[in-house]
């Protein structure tokens, strides 16, 4: 059931020292490529990274919130060409969510690393760092990186009581059930 998959999916930052098999990488790529896109413009592009040295360098893309990636066996850099679509951020975000859900369905852990609007250093953006590292052209933007691998940590689902039902209105803002 889909809801069970959503309950199972958690942000994983600790990975086993085990590569992700090619058939699973292929399934992850297919899932991203099947993600919905406004007007089917598909402004996204993806860089699938399995080289441990490159992943190690990607883990240095920003000072906070990326270092855990150095132990991931797989990273997917989510990019877009903003000239193709005015809602490229939304399209990339949808593709990234599809990637997370497919990873969970394959019993892999994953975690989003925000790159857009983040700094690598006081004089360089995280996006410029990633683009330079991977040879991504100036016309492209980098939204995020997703670290993926076999989870080394066990996390329980969020309890039902933690769901923010008070933020749901019915038929009119502020109208509760």
C-alpha atoms as a PDB file:
ATOM      1  CA  UNK A   1       0.000   0.000   0.000  1.00  0.00           C
ATOM      2  CA  UNK A   2       1.229   3.481  -0.832  1.00  0.00           C
ATOM      3  CA  UNK A   3       0.574   4.839   2.662  1.00  0.00           C
ATOM      4  CA  UNK A   4       2.789   2.067   4.076  1.00  0.00           C
ATOM      5  CA  UNK A   5       5.585   3.211   1.767  1.00  0.00           C
ATOM      6  CA  UNK A   6       5.170   6.800   2.994  1.00  0.00           C
ATOM      7  CA  UNK A   7       5.325   5.601   6.596  1.00  0.00           C
ATOM      8  CA  UNK A   8       8.473   3.590   5.853  1.00  0.00           C
ATOM      9  CA  UNK A   9      10.368   6.408   4.092  1.00  0.00           C
ATOM     10  CA  UNK A  10      12.632   8.359   6.434  1.00  0.00           C
ATOM     11  CA  UNK A  11      15.677  10.552   5.886  1.00  0.00           C
ATOM     12  CA  UNK A  12      18.687   8.248   6.196  1.00  0.00           C
ATOM     13  CA  UNK A  13      22.148   9.681   6.824  1.00  0.00           C
ATOM     14  CA  UNK A  14      24.090   6.530   7.693  1.00  0.00           C
ATOM     15  CA  UNK A  15      24.773   3.970   5.000  1.00  0.00           C
ATOM     16  CA  UNK A  16      26.248   0.494   4.890  1.00  0.00           C
ATOM     17  CA  UNK A  17      29.492   0.013   3.001  1.00  0.00           C
ATOM     18  CA  UNK A  18      27.659  -1.770   0.203  1.00  0.00           C
ATOM     19  CA  UNK A  19      27.183  -0.605  -3.394  1.00  0.00           C
ATOM     20  CA  UNK A  20      23.753  -0.161  -4.891  1.00  0.00           C
ATOM     21  CA  UNK A  21      23.225  -2.757  -7.613  1.00  0.00           C
ATOM     22  CA  UNK A  22      22.940  -1.574 -11.214  1.00  0.00           C
ATOM     23  CA  UNK A  23      19.393  -2.904 -11.602  1.00  0.00           C
ATOM     24  CA  UNK A  24      18.324  -0.753  -8.636  1.00  0.00           C
ATOM     25  CA  UNK A  25      20.109   2.278 -10.075  1.00  0.00           C
ATOM     26  CA  UNK A  26      18.271   1.638 -13.347  1.00  0.00           C
ATOM     27  CA  UNK A  27      14.941   1.490 -11.485  1.00  0.00           C
ATOM     28  CA  UNK A  28      15.720   4.755  -9.669  1.00  0.00           C
ATOM     29  CA  UNK A  29      16.544   6.456 -12.979  1.00  0.00           C
ATOM     30  CA  UNK A  30      13.374   5.158 -14.623  1.00  0.00           C
ATOM     31  CA  UNK A  31      11.279   6.366 -11.687  1.00  0.00           C
ATOM     32  CA  UNK A  32      12.766   9.889 -11.941  1.00  0.00           C
ATOM     33  CA  UNK A  33      12.195   9.983 -15.679  1.00  0.00           C
ATOM     34  CA  UNK A  34       8.542   8.988 -15.176  1.00  0.00           C
ATOM     35  CA  UNK A  35       7.857  11.817 -12.718  1.00  0.00           C
ATOM     36  CA  UNK A  36       5.142  14.311 -13.614  1.00  0.00           C
ATOM     37  CA  UNK A  37       6.201  17.604 -15.167  1.00  0.00           C
ATOM     38  CA  UNK A  38       4.234  20.753 -15.904  1.00  0.00           C
ATOM     39  CA  UNK A  39       3.112  20.681 -19.527  1.00  0.00           C
ATOM     40  CA  UNK A  40       5.465  17.684 -19.984  1.00  0.00           C
ATOM     41  CA  UNK A  41       8.376  20.092 -20.465  1.00  0.00           C
ATOM     42  CA  UNK A  42      10.709  17.982 -18.294  1.00  0.00           C
ATOM     43  CA  UNK A  43      13.255  20.705 -17.467  1.00  0.00           C
ATOM     44  CA  UNK A  44      15.178  18.385 -15.134  1.00  0.00           C
ATOM     45  CA  UNK A  45      18.384  16.517 -15.757  1.00  0.00           C
ATOM     46  CA  UNK A  46      20.187  14.153 -13.410  1.00  0.00           C
ATOM     47  CA  UNK A  47      23.793  13.249 -12.728  1.00  0.00           C
ATOM     48  CA  UNK A  48      24.088   9.760 -11.206  1.00  0.00           C
ATOM     49  CA  UNK A  49      27.331   9.510  -9.232  1.00  0.00           C
ATOM     50  CA  UNK A  50      28.837   6.229  -7.996  1.00  0.00           C
ATOM     51  CA  UNK A  51      32.519   7.215  -7.854  1.00  0.00           C
ATOM     52  CA  UNK A  52      33.441   7.337  -4.130  1.00  0.00           C
ATOM     53  CA  UNK A  53      35.967  10.149  -4.617  1.00  0.00           C
ATOM     54  CA  UNK A  54      33.417  12.304  -6.419  1.00  0.00           C
ATOM     55  CA  UNK A  55      30.786  11.570  -3.768  1.00  0.00           C
ATOM     56  CA  UNK A  56      33.357  12.558  -1.138  1.00  0.00           C
ATOM     57  CA  UNK A  57      33.868  15.882  -2.886  1.00  0.00           C
ATOM     58  CA  UNK A  58      30.104  16.378  -3.221  1.00  0.00           C
ATOM     59  CA  UNK A  59      29.847  15.893   0.541  1.00  0.00           C
ATOM     60  CA  UNK A  60      31.900  19.095   0.870  1.00  0.00           C
ATOM     61  CA  UNK A  61      29.462  21.126  -1.242  1.00  0.00           C
ATOM     62  CA  UNK A  62      28.278  23.119   1.771  1.00  0.00           C
ATOM     63  CA  UNK A  63      29.509  23.452   5.341  1.00  0.00           C
ATOM     64  CA  UNK A  64      26.377  22.002   6.999  1.00  0.00           C
ATOM     65  CA  UNK A  65      24.061  19.177   6.038  1.00  0.00           C
ATOM     66  CA  UNK A  66      26.111  17.419   3.358  1.00  0.00           C
ATOM     67  CA  UNK A  67      29.040  15.726   5.105  1.00  0.00           C
ATOM     68  CA  UNK A  68      27.079  12.522   5.799  1.00  0.00           C
ATOM     69  CA  UNK A  69      26.956  11.923   2.032  1.00  0.00           C
ATOM     70  CA  UNK A  70      30.643  10.895   1.962  1.00  0.00           C
ATOM     71  CA  UNK A  71      29.626   7.387   3.079  1.00  0.00           C
ATOM     72  CA  UNK A  72      26.794   6.982   0.574  1.00  0.00           C
ATOM     73  CA  UNK A  73      27.494   4.635  -2.332  1.00  0.00           C
ATOM     74  CA  UNK A  74      25.225   6.620  -4.667  1.00  0.00           C
ATOM     75  CA  UNK A  75      24.360  10.272  -5.161  1.00  0.00           C
ATOM     76  CA  UNK A  76      21.953  11.792  -7.648  1.00  0.00           C
ATOM     77  CA  UNK A  77      22.410  15.458  -8.508  1.00  0.00           C
ATOM     78  CA  UNK A  78      19.126  17.041  -9.589  1.00  0.00           C
ATOM     79  CA  UNK A  79      19.548  19.861 -12.126  1.00  0.00           C
ATOM     80  CA  UNK A  80      17.320  21.842 -14.460  1.00  0.00           C
ATOM     81  CA  UNK A  81      17.365  24.146 -17.412  1.00  0.00           C
ATOM     82  CA  UNK A  82      15.186  27.061 -16.242  1.00  0.00           C
ATOM     83  CA  UNK A  83      14.785  28.272 -19.840  1.00  0.00           C
ATOM     84  CA  UNK A  84      12.638  25.185 -20.531  1.00  0.00           C
ATOM     85  CA  UNK A  85      10.009  25.810 -17.870  1.00  0.00           C
ATOM     86  CA  UNK A  86       8.983  28.499 -15.387  1.00  0.00           C
ATOM     87  CA  UNK A  87       8.160  25.889 -12.735  1.00  0.00           C
ATOM     88  CA  UNK A  88      11.442  23.979 -12.890  1.00  0.00           C
ATOM     89  CA  UNK A  89      11.749  24.092  -9.083  1.00  0.00           C
ATOM     90  CA  UNK A  90       8.449  22.296  -8.675  1.00  0.00           C
ATOM     91  CA  UNK A  91       9.259  19.783 -11.418  1.00  0.00           C
ATOM     92  CA  UNK A  92      12.659  19.006  -9.867  1.00  0.00           C
ATOM     93  CA  UNK A  93      11.085  18.696  -6.423  1.00  0.00           C
ATOM     94  CA  UNK A  94       8.508  16.222  -7.723  1.00  0.00           C
ATOM     95  CA  UNK A  95      11.224  14.155  -9.438  1.00  0.00           C
ATOM     96  CA  UNK A  96      13.265  14.193  -6.237  1.00  0.00           C
ATOM     97  CA  UNK A  97      10.308  12.974  -4.195  1.00  0.00           C
ATOM     98  CA  UNK A  98       9.689  10.192  -6.718  1.00  0.00           C
ATOM     99  CA  UNK A  99      13.372   9.254  -6.333  1.00  0.00           C
ATOM    100  CA  UNK A 100      12.995   9.075  -2.529  1.00  0.00           C
ATOM    101  CA  UNK A 101       9.884   6.913  -2.781  1.00  0.00           C
ATOM    102  CA  UNK A 102      11.448   4.538  -5.309  1.00  0.00           C
ATOM    103  CA  UNK A 103      14.501   4.234  -3.058  1.00  0.00           C
ATOM    104  CA  UNK A 104      12.263   3.312  -0.116  1.00  0.00           C
ATOM    105  CA  UNK A 105      10.383   0.823  -2.285  1.00  0.00           C
ATOM    106  CA  UNK A 106      13.747  -0.801  -3.149  1.00  0.00           C
ATOM    107  CA  UNK A 107      14.665  -0.975   0.566  1.00  0.00           C
ATOM    108  CA  UNK A 108      17.243   1.775   0.160  1.00  0.00           C
ATOM    109  CA  UNK A 109      17.681   4.789   2.386  1.00  0.00           C
ATOM    110  CA  UNK A 110      17.928   8.319   1.038  1.00  0.00           C
ATOM    111  CA  UNK A 111      18.284  11.913   2.148  1.00  0.00           C
ATOM    112  CA  UNK A 112      17.871  15.258   0.363  1.00  0.00           C
ATOM    113  CA  UNK A 113      20.744  17.760   0.399  1.00  0.00           C
ATOM    114  CA  UNK A 114      19.607  21.263  -0.543  1.00  0.00           C
ATOM    115  CA  UNK A 115      22.038  22.985  -2.923  1.00  0.00           C
ATOM    116  CA  UNK A 116      20.020  25.819  -4.435  1.00  0.00           C
ATOM    117  CA  UNK A 117      20.513  29.054  -2.487  1.00  0.00           C
ATOM    118  CA  UNK A 118      23.159  27.516  -0.192  1.00  0.00           C
ATOM    119  CA  UNK A 119      26.801  28.538   0.227  1.00  0.00           C
ATOM    120  CA  UNK A 120      29.881  26.380  -0.198  1.00  0.00           C
ATOM    121  CA  UNK A 121      32.090  29.162   1.200  1.00  0.00           C
ATOM    122  CA  UNK A 122      31.832  32.932   1.652  1.00  0.00           C
ATOM    123  CA  UNK A 123      32.991  33.459  -1.929  1.00  0.00           C
ATOM    124  CA  UNK A 124      31.338  30.499  -3.722  1.00  0.00           C
ATOM    125  CA  UNK A 125      27.818  29.092  -3.797  1.00  0.00           C
ATOM    126  CA  UNK A 126      27.194  25.390  -3.261  1.00  0.00           C
ATOM    127  CA  UNK A 127      25.684  25.341  -6.741  1.00  0.00           C
ATOM    128  CA  UNK A 128      28.845  26.789  -8.348  1.00  0.00           C
ATOM    129  CA  UNK A 129      30.954  24.238  -6.456  1.00  0.00           C
ATOM    130  CA  UNK A 130      28.823  21.295  -7.687  1.00  0.00           C
ATOM    131  CA  UNK A 131      28.647  22.628 -11.243  1.00  0.00           C
ATOM    132  CA  UNK A 132      32.423  23.020 -11.376  1.00  0.00           C
ATOM    133  CA  UNK A 133      33.016  19.568  -9.878  1.00  0.00           C
ATOM    134  CA  UNK A 134      30.686  17.786 -12.309  1.00  0.00           C
ATOM    135  CA  UNK A 135      31.141  19.931 -15.416  1.00  0.00           C
ATOM    136  CA  UNK A 136      27.556  21.186 -15.423  1.00  0.00           C
ATOM    137  CA  UNK A 137      27.029  24.067 -17.865  1.00  0.00           C
ATOM    138  CA  UNK A 138      26.183  27.641 -16.916  1.00  0.00           C
ATOM    139  CA  UNK A 139      22.696  27.365 -18.428  1.00  0.00           C
ATOM    140  CA  UNK A 140      21.783  24.738 -15.828  1.00  0.00           C
ATOM    141  CA  UNK A 141      20.847  25.147 -12.168  1.00  0.00           C
ATOM    142  CA  UNK A 142      21.441  22.613  -9.414  1.00  0.00           C
ATOM    143  CA  UNK A 143      18.545  22.161  -7.029  1.00  0.00           C
ATOM    144  CA  UNK A 144      19.645  19.324  -4.787  1.00  0.00           C
ATOM    145  CA  UNK A 145      21.597  16.136  -4.299  1.00  0.00           C
ATOM    146  CA  UNK A 146      20.047  12.929  -3.013  1.00  0.00           C
ATOM    147  CA  UNK A 147      22.315  10.531  -1.130  1.00  0.00           C
ATOM    148  CA  UNK A 148      21.210   6.894  -1.494  1.00  0.00           C
ATOM    149  CA  UNK A 149      22.343   3.570  -0.093  1.00  0.00           C
ATOM    150  CA  UNK A 150      21.530   0.671   2.168  1.00  0.00           C
ATOM    151  CA  UNK A 151      20.558   2.061   5.538  1.00  0.00           C
ATOM    152  CA  UNK A 152      22.850   1.533   8.491  1.00  0.00           C
ATOM    153  CA  UNK A 153      20.260   2.951  10.859  1.00  0.00           C
ATOM    154  CA  UNK A 154      16.760   1.881  11.796  1.00  0.00           C
ATOM    155  CA  UNK A 155      14.142   4.574  12.202  1.00  0.00           C
ATOM    156  CA  UNK A 156      10.570   4.115  13.290  1.00  0.00           C
ATOM    157  CA  UNK A 157       7.807   5.766  11.348  1.00  0.00           C
ATOM    158  CA  UNK A 158       6.619   9.100  12.654  1.00  0.00           C
ATOM    159  CA  UNK A 159       3.800   8.438  15.123  1.00  0.00           C
ATOM    160  CA  UNK A 160       0.288   9.241  13.975  1.00  0.00           C
ATOM    161  CA  UNK A 161       0.013  11.702  16.874  1.00  0.00           C
ATOM    162  CA  UNK A 162       2.815  13.816  15.351  1.00  0.00           C
ATOM    163  CA  UNK A 163       0.899  14.482  12.126  1.00  0.00           C
ATOM    164  CA  UNK A 164      -0.174  18.130  11.884  1.00  0.00           C
ATOM    165  CA  UNK A 165      -3.893  17.655  11.348  1.00  0.00           C
ATOM    166  CA  UNK A 166      -4.518  21.132  12.780  1.00  0.00           C
ATOM    167  CA  UNK A 167      -3.055  22.513   9.529  1.00  0.00           C
ATOM    168  CA  UNK A 168      -5.823  20.946   7.432  1.00  0.00           C
ATOM    169  CA  UNK A 169      -8.953  22.927   6.586  1.00  0.00           C
ATOM    170  CA  UNK A 170     -12.080  21.640   4.842  1.00  0.00           C
ATOM    171  CA  UNK A 171     -13.947  23.573   2.137  1.00  0.00           C
ATOM    172  CA  UNK A 172     -12.707  26.923   3.518  1.00  0.00           C
ATOM    173  CA  UNK A 173      -9.491  27.988   5.212  1.00  0.00           C
ATOM    174  CA  UNK A 174      -9.778  27.614   8.956  1.00  0.00           C
ATOM    175  CA  UNK A 175     -12.776  25.255   8.835  1.00  0.00           C
ATOM    176  CA  UNK A 176     -11.975  22.136  10.795  1.00  0.00           C
ATOM    177  CA  UNK A 177     -13.641  18.778  10.534  1.00  0.00           C
END
